[in-house]
């Protein structure tokens, strides 16, 4: 709404923030419900098994959402009296942990693909190389995106959360990389 009514722009931004917060609360609720439903299977199949790389990777990608989604995301959307510095720190931590979790999840799926192909020797070289070629740039894109975000002052007394007022659109590239990666493997 460049050149439009500033009040209308603020109202629209606040509506979008409320919608995003609603979806984040809903997804957190579904995540917790899934955790409750599958916890006994996880204890039997994962916790009681021997420690190995896959078990560690699984537990990493399984428990990071408790930090990045349930705690950090909801905090930056509902926290009270958050300063610009606090908002940046929470956004950065949430984004980095989120991408680490995505990369770990994709590694689990990549290793599954390798296993389905009977641990093919060529794939033993190709998949790790492609993984690095796709996920290395993802962290660079994330860094560029995080440097671009700016926050505004709370628009009214009692405002909760962080008021994000600017961010470049480079984050879309991260999702495109993920789509291409999922298509390749």
C-alpha atoms as a PDB file:
ATOM      1  CA  UNK A   1       0.000   0.000   0.000  1.00  0.00           C
ATOM      2  CA  UNK A   2       2.736   2.440  -0.898  1.00  0.00           C
ATOM      3  CA  UNK A   3       1.433   5.994  -0.805  1.00  0.00           C
ATOM      4  CA  UNK A   4      -1.827   4.840   0.814  1.00  0.00           C
ATOM      5  CA  UNK A   5      -3.370   5.626   4.149  1.00  0.00           C
ATOM      6  CA  UNK A   6      -0.853   4.805   6.921  1.00  0.00           C
ATOM      7  CA  UNK A   7      -3.643   3.815   9.305  1.00  0.00           C
ATOM      8  CA  UNK A   8      -5.094   1.402   6.748  1.00  0.00           C
ATOM      9  CA  UNK A   9      -1.613  -0.077   6.213  1.00  0.00           C
ATOM     10  CA  UNK A  10      -1.164  -0.552   9.955  1.00  0.00           C
ATOM     11  CA  UNK A  11      -4.589  -2.186  10.327  1.00  0.00           C
ATOM     12  CA  UNK A  12      -3.794  -4.550   7.436  1.00  0.00           C
ATOM     13  CA  UNK A  13      -0.398  -5.435   8.958  1.00  0.00           C
ATOM     14  CA  UNK A  14      -2.022  -6.139  12.324  1.00  0.00           C
ATOM     15  CA  UNK A  15      -4.650  -8.347  10.644  1.00  0.00           C
ATOM     16  CA  UNK A  16      -1.901 -10.343   8.936  1.00  0.00           C
ATOM     17  CA  UNK A  17       0.006 -10.660  12.232  1.00  0.00           C
ATOM     18  CA  UNK A  18      -3.132 -11.999  13.935  1.00  0.00           C
ATOM     19  CA  UNK A  19      -3.703 -14.512  11.123  1.00  0.00           C
ATOM     20  CA  UNK A  20      -0.091 -15.718  11.275  1.00  0.00           C
ATOM     21  CA  UNK A  21      -0.265 -16.019  15.062  1.00  0.00           C
ATOM     22  CA  UNK A  22      -3.500 -18.013  14.785  1.00  0.00           C
ATOM     23  CA  UNK A  23      -1.896 -20.443  12.333  1.00  0.00           C
ATOM     24  CA  UNK A  24       1.205 -20.767  14.518  1.00  0.00           C
ATOM     25  CA  UNK A  25      -0.911 -21.548  17.576  1.00  0.00           C
ATOM     26  CA  UNK A  26      -2.895 -24.098  15.549  1.00  0.00           C
ATOM     27  CA  UNK A  27       0.251 -25.764  14.190  1.00  0.00           C
ATOM     28  CA  UNK A  28       1.791 -25.855  17.668  1.00  0.00           C
ATOM     29  CA  UNK A  29      -1.364 -27.491  18.978  1.00  0.00           C
ATOM     30  CA  UNK A  30      -1.257 -30.121  16.217  1.00  0.00           C
ATOM     31  CA  UNK A  31       2.440 -30.719  16.901  1.00  0.00           C
ATOM     32  CA  UNK A  32       1.794 -31.273  20.608  1.00  0.00           C
ATOM     33  CA  UNK A  33      -1.187 -33.527  19.857  1.00  0.00           C
ATOM     34  CA  UNK A  34       0.943 -35.602  17.452  1.00  0.00           C
ATOM     35  CA  UNK A  35       3.653 -35.806  20.096  1.00  0.00           C
ATOM     36  CA  UNK A  36       1.168 -37.074  22.681  1.00  0.00           C
ATOM     37  CA  UNK A  37      -0.261 -39.640  20.249  1.00  0.00           C
ATOM     38  CA  UNK A  38       3.103 -41.028  19.172  1.00  0.00           C
ATOM     39  CA  UNK A  39       5.080 -40.690  22.405  1.00  0.00           C
ATOM     40  CA  UNK A  40       4.678 -44.332  23.510  1.00  0.00           C
ATOM     41  CA  UNK A  41       5.829 -45.585  20.080  1.00  0.00           C
ATOM     42  CA  UNK A  42       8.799 -43.237  20.218  1.00  0.00           C
ATOM     43  CA  UNK A  43       9.813 -44.562  23.639  1.00  0.00           C
ATOM     44  CA  UNK A  44       9.559 -48.179  22.434  1.00  0.00           C
ATOM     45  CA  UNK A  45      11.182 -47.722  19.024  1.00  0.00           C
ATOM     46  CA  UNK A  46      13.662 -44.889  19.517  1.00  0.00           C
ATOM     47  CA  UNK A  47      14.524 -44.306  23.159  1.00  0.00           C
ATOM     48  CA  UNK A  48      15.146 -47.972  23.875  1.00  0.00           C
ATOM     49  CA  UNK A  49      17.302 -48.462  20.790  1.00  0.00           C
ATOM     50  CA  UNK A  50      21.105 -48.196  20.656  1.00  0.00           C
ATOM     51  CA  UNK A  51      22.567 -44.749  20.139  1.00  0.00           C
ATOM     52  CA  UNK A  52      23.642 -44.091  16.563  1.00  0.00           C
ATOM     53  CA  UNK A  53      23.688 -41.261  14.054  1.00  0.00           C
ATOM     54  CA  UNK A  54      20.090 -41.828  12.917  1.00  0.00           C
ATOM     55  CA  UNK A  55      18.762 -41.846  16.461  1.00  0.00           C
ATOM     56  CA  UNK A  56      20.532 -38.562  17.212  1.00  0.00           C
ATOM     57  CA  UNK A  57      19.324 -37.026  13.962  1.00  0.00           C
ATOM     58  CA  UNK A  58      15.769 -38.170  14.625  1.00  0.00           C
ATOM     59  CA  UNK A  59      15.757 -36.758  18.165  1.00  0.00           C
ATOM     60  CA  UNK A  60      17.237 -33.463  16.941  1.00  0.00           C
ATOM     61  CA  UNK A  61      14.586 -32.956  14.300  1.00  0.00           C
ATOM     62  CA  UNK A  62      11.848 -34.245  16.610  1.00  0.00           C
ATOM     63  CA  UNK A  63      12.542 -31.900  19.531  1.00  0.00           C
ATOM     64  CA  UNK A  64      13.739 -28.681  17.859  1.00  0.00           C
ATOM     65  CA  UNK A  65      10.125 -27.632  17.099  1.00  0.00           C
ATOM     66  CA  UNK A  66       9.482 -27.383  20.835  1.00  0.00           C
ATOM     67  CA  UNK A  67      12.055 -24.579  20.865  1.00  0.00           C
ATOM     68  CA  UNK A  68      11.617 -22.840  17.503  1.00  0.00           C
ATOM     69  CA  UNK A  69       7.873 -23.136  17.012  1.00  0.00           C
ATOM     70  CA  UNK A  70       6.249 -23.490  20.368  1.00  0.00           C
ATOM     71  CA  UNK A  71       8.510 -21.254  22.408  1.00  0.00           C
ATOM     72  CA  UNK A  72      10.322 -18.756  20.159  1.00  0.00           C
ATOM     73  CA  UNK A  73       7.684 -18.160  17.482  1.00  0.00           C
ATOM     74  CA  UNK A  74       4.848 -17.781  19.939  1.00  0.00           C
ATOM     75  CA  UNK A  75       7.050 -15.589  22.135  1.00  0.00           C
ATOM     76  CA  UNK A  76       7.878 -13.128  19.348  1.00  0.00           C
ATOM     77  CA  UNK A  77       4.201 -12.983  18.441  1.00  0.00           C
ATOM     78  CA  UNK A  78       2.711 -12.670  21.910  1.00  0.00           C
ATOM     79  CA  UNK A  79       5.497 -11.411  24.205  1.00  0.00           C
ATOM     80  CA  UNK A  80       4.939  -8.139  26.005  1.00  0.00           C
ATOM     81  CA  UNK A  81       7.242  -5.110  25.910  1.00  0.00           C
ATOM     82  CA  UNK A  82       9.703  -6.662  23.451  1.00  0.00           C
ATOM     83  CA  UNK A  83      12.499  -4.329  22.389  1.00  0.00           C
ATOM     84  CA  UNK A  84      13.890  -4.131  18.868  1.00  0.00           C
ATOM     85  CA  UNK A  85      16.988  -6.044  20.046  1.00  0.00           C
ATOM     86  CA  UNK A  86      14.893  -8.768  21.702  1.00  0.00           C
ATOM     87  CA  UNK A  87      12.771  -9.139  18.570  1.00  0.00           C
ATOM     88  CA  UNK A  88      15.861  -9.503  16.375  1.00  0.00           C
ATOM     89  CA  UNK A  89      17.412 -12.079  18.691  1.00  0.00           C
ATOM     90  CA  UNK A  90      14.234 -14.142  18.919  1.00  0.00           C
ATOM     91  CA  UNK A  91      13.607 -13.976  15.151  1.00  0.00           C
ATOM     92  CA  UNK A  92      17.215 -14.944  14.409  1.00  0.00           C
ATOM     93  CA  UNK A  93      17.216 -17.839  16.868  1.00  0.00           C
ATOM     94  CA  UNK A  94      13.851 -19.079  15.637  1.00  0.00           C
ATOM     95  CA  UNK A  95      14.866 -18.891  11.977  1.00  0.00           C
ATOM     96  CA  UNK A  96      18.241 -20.588  12.442  1.00  0.00           C
ATOM     97  CA  UNK A  97      16.796 -23.380  14.590  1.00  0.00           C
ATOM     98  CA  UNK A  98      13.959 -23.813  12.105  1.00  0.00           C
ATOM     99  CA  UNK A  99      16.317 -24.195   9.148  1.00  0.00           C
ATOM    100  CA  UNK A 100      18.550 -26.573  11.126  1.00  0.00           C
ATOM    101  CA  UNK A 101      15.446 -28.638  11.879  1.00  0.00           C
ATOM    102  CA  UNK A 102      14.421 -28.615   8.225  1.00  0.00           C
ATOM    103  CA  UNK A 103      17.917 -29.642   7.161  1.00  0.00           C
ATOM    104  CA  UNK A 104      17.913 -32.471   9.732  1.00  0.00           C
ATOM    105  CA  UNK A 105      14.496 -33.667   8.570  1.00  0.00           C
ATOM    106  CA  UNK A 106      15.623 -33.571   4.959  1.00  0.00           C
ATOM    107  CA  UNK A 107      18.747 -35.522   5.901  1.00  0.00           C
ATOM    108  CA  UNK A 108      16.540 -38.239   7.438  1.00  0.00           C
ATOM    109  CA  UNK A 109      14.528 -38.385   4.208  1.00  0.00           C
ATOM    110  CA  UNK A 110      17.702 -38.369   2.098  1.00  0.00           C
ATOM    111  CA  UNK A 111      19.163 -41.257   4.063  1.00  0.00           C
ATOM    112  CA  UNK A 112      15.859 -43.077   3.651  1.00  0.00           C
ATOM    113  CA  UNK A 113      16.095 -42.563  -0.116  1.00  0.00           C
ATOM    114  CA  UNK A 114      19.644 -43.944  -0.070  1.00  0.00           C
ATOM    115  CA  UNK A 115      18.459 -46.973   1.928  1.00  0.00           C
ATOM    116  CA  UNK A 116      15.557 -47.610  -0.457  1.00  0.00           C
ATOM    117  CA  UNK A 117      18.093 -47.681  -3.306  1.00  0.00           C
ATOM    118  CA  UNK A 118      19.988 -50.418  -1.410  1.00  0.00           C
ATOM    119  CA  UNK A 119      22.791 -48.042  -0.401  1.00  0.00           C
ATOM    120  CA  UNK A 120      23.850 -47.593  -3.991  1.00  0.00           C
ATOM    121  CA  UNK A 121      27.542 -46.615  -4.186  1.00  0.00           C
ATOM    122  CA  UNK A 122      26.942 -43.838  -6.703  1.00  0.00           C
ATOM    123  CA  UNK A 123      24.227 -42.371  -4.511  1.00  0.00           C
ATOM    124  CA  UNK A 124      26.659 -42.582  -1.582  1.00  0.00           C
ATOM    125  CA  UNK A 125      28.595 -39.822  -3.340  1.00  0.00           C
ATOM    126  CA  UNK A 126      25.867 -37.977  -5.253  1.00  0.00           C
ATOM    127  CA  UNK A 127      23.402 -37.472  -2.381  1.00  0.00           C
ATOM    128  CA  UNK A 128      25.878 -35.896   0.095  1.00  0.00           C
ATOM    129  CA  UNK A 129      27.278 -33.612  -2.624  1.00  0.00           C
ATOM    130  CA  UNK A 130      23.790 -32.509  -3.674  1.00  0.00           C
ATOM    131  CA  UNK A 131      22.759 -32.100  -0.043  1.00  0.00           C
ATOM    132  CA  UNK A 132      25.653 -29.691   0.573  1.00  0.00           C
ATOM    133  CA  UNK A 133      24.990 -27.861  -2.713  1.00  0.00           C
ATOM    134  CA  UNK A 134      21.375 -27.283  -1.729  1.00  0.00           C
ATOM    135  CA  UNK A 135      21.627 -26.689   2.010  1.00  0.00           C
ATOM    136  CA  UNK A 136      24.787 -24.540   1.995  1.00  0.00           C
ATOM    137  CA  UNK A 137      23.056 -21.789  -0.010  1.00  0.00           C
ATOM    138  CA  UNK A 138      19.964 -22.151   2.197  1.00  0.00           C
ATOM    139  CA  UNK A 139      21.939 -20.890   5.195  1.00  0.00           C
ATOM    140  CA  UNK A 140      23.422 -18.041   3.122  1.00  0.00           C
ATOM    141  CA  UNK A 141      19.943 -17.017   1.975  1.00  0.00           C
ATOM    142  CA  UNK A 142      18.726 -17.169   5.562  1.00  0.00           C
ATOM    143  CA  UNK A 143      21.587 -14.900   6.654  1.00  0.00           C
ATOM    144  CA  UNK A 144      20.768 -12.343   3.946  1.00  0.00           C
ATOM    145  CA  UNK A 145      17.100 -12.457   4.902  1.00  0.00           C
ATOM    146  CA  UNK A 146      17.791 -12.029   8.615  1.00  0.00           C
ATOM    147  CA  UNK A 147      19.996  -8.986   7.961  1.00  0.00           C
ATOM    148  CA  UNK A 148      17.109  -7.353   6.102  1.00  0.00           C
ATOM    149  CA  UNK A 149      14.475  -7.516   8.839  1.00  0.00           C
ATOM    150  CA  UNK A 150      13.563  -4.400  10.766  1.00  0.00           C
ATOM    151  CA  UNK A 151      11.037  -3.907  13.517  1.00  0.00           C
ATOM    152  CA  UNK A 152       8.890  -0.921  14.377  1.00  0.00           C
ATOM    153  CA  UNK A 153       7.834   0.526  17.668  1.00  0.00           C
ATOM    154  CA  UNK A 154       4.652  -0.863  19.170  1.00  0.00           C
ATOM    155  CA  UNK A 155       1.754   0.914  17.401  1.00  0.00           C
ATOM    156  CA  UNK A 156      -0.342   1.264  20.553  1.00  0.00           C
ATOM    157  CA  UNK A 157      -0.024   0.735  24.316  1.00  0.00           C
ATOM    158  CA  UNK A 158      -0.389  -2.907  25.330  1.00  0.00           C
ATOM    159  CA  UNK A 159       0.723  -4.198  21.910  1.00  0.00           C
ATOM    160  CA  UNK A 160       2.121  -7.717  22.179  1.00  0.00           C
ATOM    161  CA  UNK A 161       4.752  -9.293  19.984  1.00  0.00           C
ATOM    162  CA  UNK A 162       7.174  -7.859  17.471  1.00  0.00           C
ATOM    163  CA  UNK A 163       6.008  -5.494  14.746  1.00  0.00           C
ATOM    164  CA  UNK A 164       7.971  -6.586  11.687  1.00  0.00           C
ATOM    165  CA  UNK A 165       7.984  -3.651   9.279  1.00  0.00           C
ATOM    166  CA  UNK A 166      10.479  -4.775   6.617  1.00  0.00           C
ATOM    167  CA  UNK A 167      12.065  -7.930   5.263  1.00  0.00           C
ATOM    168  CA  UNK A 168      13.348  -8.762   1.809  1.00  0.00           C
ATOM    169  CA  UNK A 169      11.710 -11.555  -0.137  1.00  0.00           C
ATOM    170  CA  UNK A 170      14.825 -13.769  -0.357  1.00  0.00           C
ATOM    171  CA  UNK A 171      13.310 -16.296   2.010  1.00  0.00           C
ATOM    172  CA  UNK A 172      11.208 -17.507  -0.925  1.00  0.00           C
ATOM    173  CA  UNK A 173      14.466 -18.759  -2.473  1.00  0.00           C
ATOM    174  CA  UNK A 174      15.019 -21.021   0.534  1.00  0.00           C
ATOM    175  CA  UNK A 175      11.613 -22.634  -0.033  1.00  0.00           C
ATOM    176  CA  UNK A 176      12.346 -22.967  -3.755  1.00  0.00           C
ATOM    177  CA  UNK A 177      15.618 -24.745  -2.931  1.00  0.00           C
ATOM    178  CA  UNK A 178      13.688 -27.106  -0.666  1.00  0.00           C
ATOM    179  CA  UNK A 179      11.172 -27.857  -3.439  1.00  0.00           C
ATOM    180  CA  UNK A 180      13.949 -28.545  -5.937  1.00  0.00           C
ATOM    181  CA  UNK A 181      15.809 -30.709  -3.411  1.00  0.00           C
ATOM    182  CA  UNK A 182      12.687 -32.740  -2.655  1.00  0.00           C
ATOM    183  CA  UNK A 183      12.102 -33.171  -6.378  1.00  0.00           C
ATOM    184  CA  UNK A 184      15.685 -34.353  -6.995  1.00  0.00           C
ATOM    185  CA  UNK A 185      15.805 -36.992  -4.297  1.00  0.00           C
END
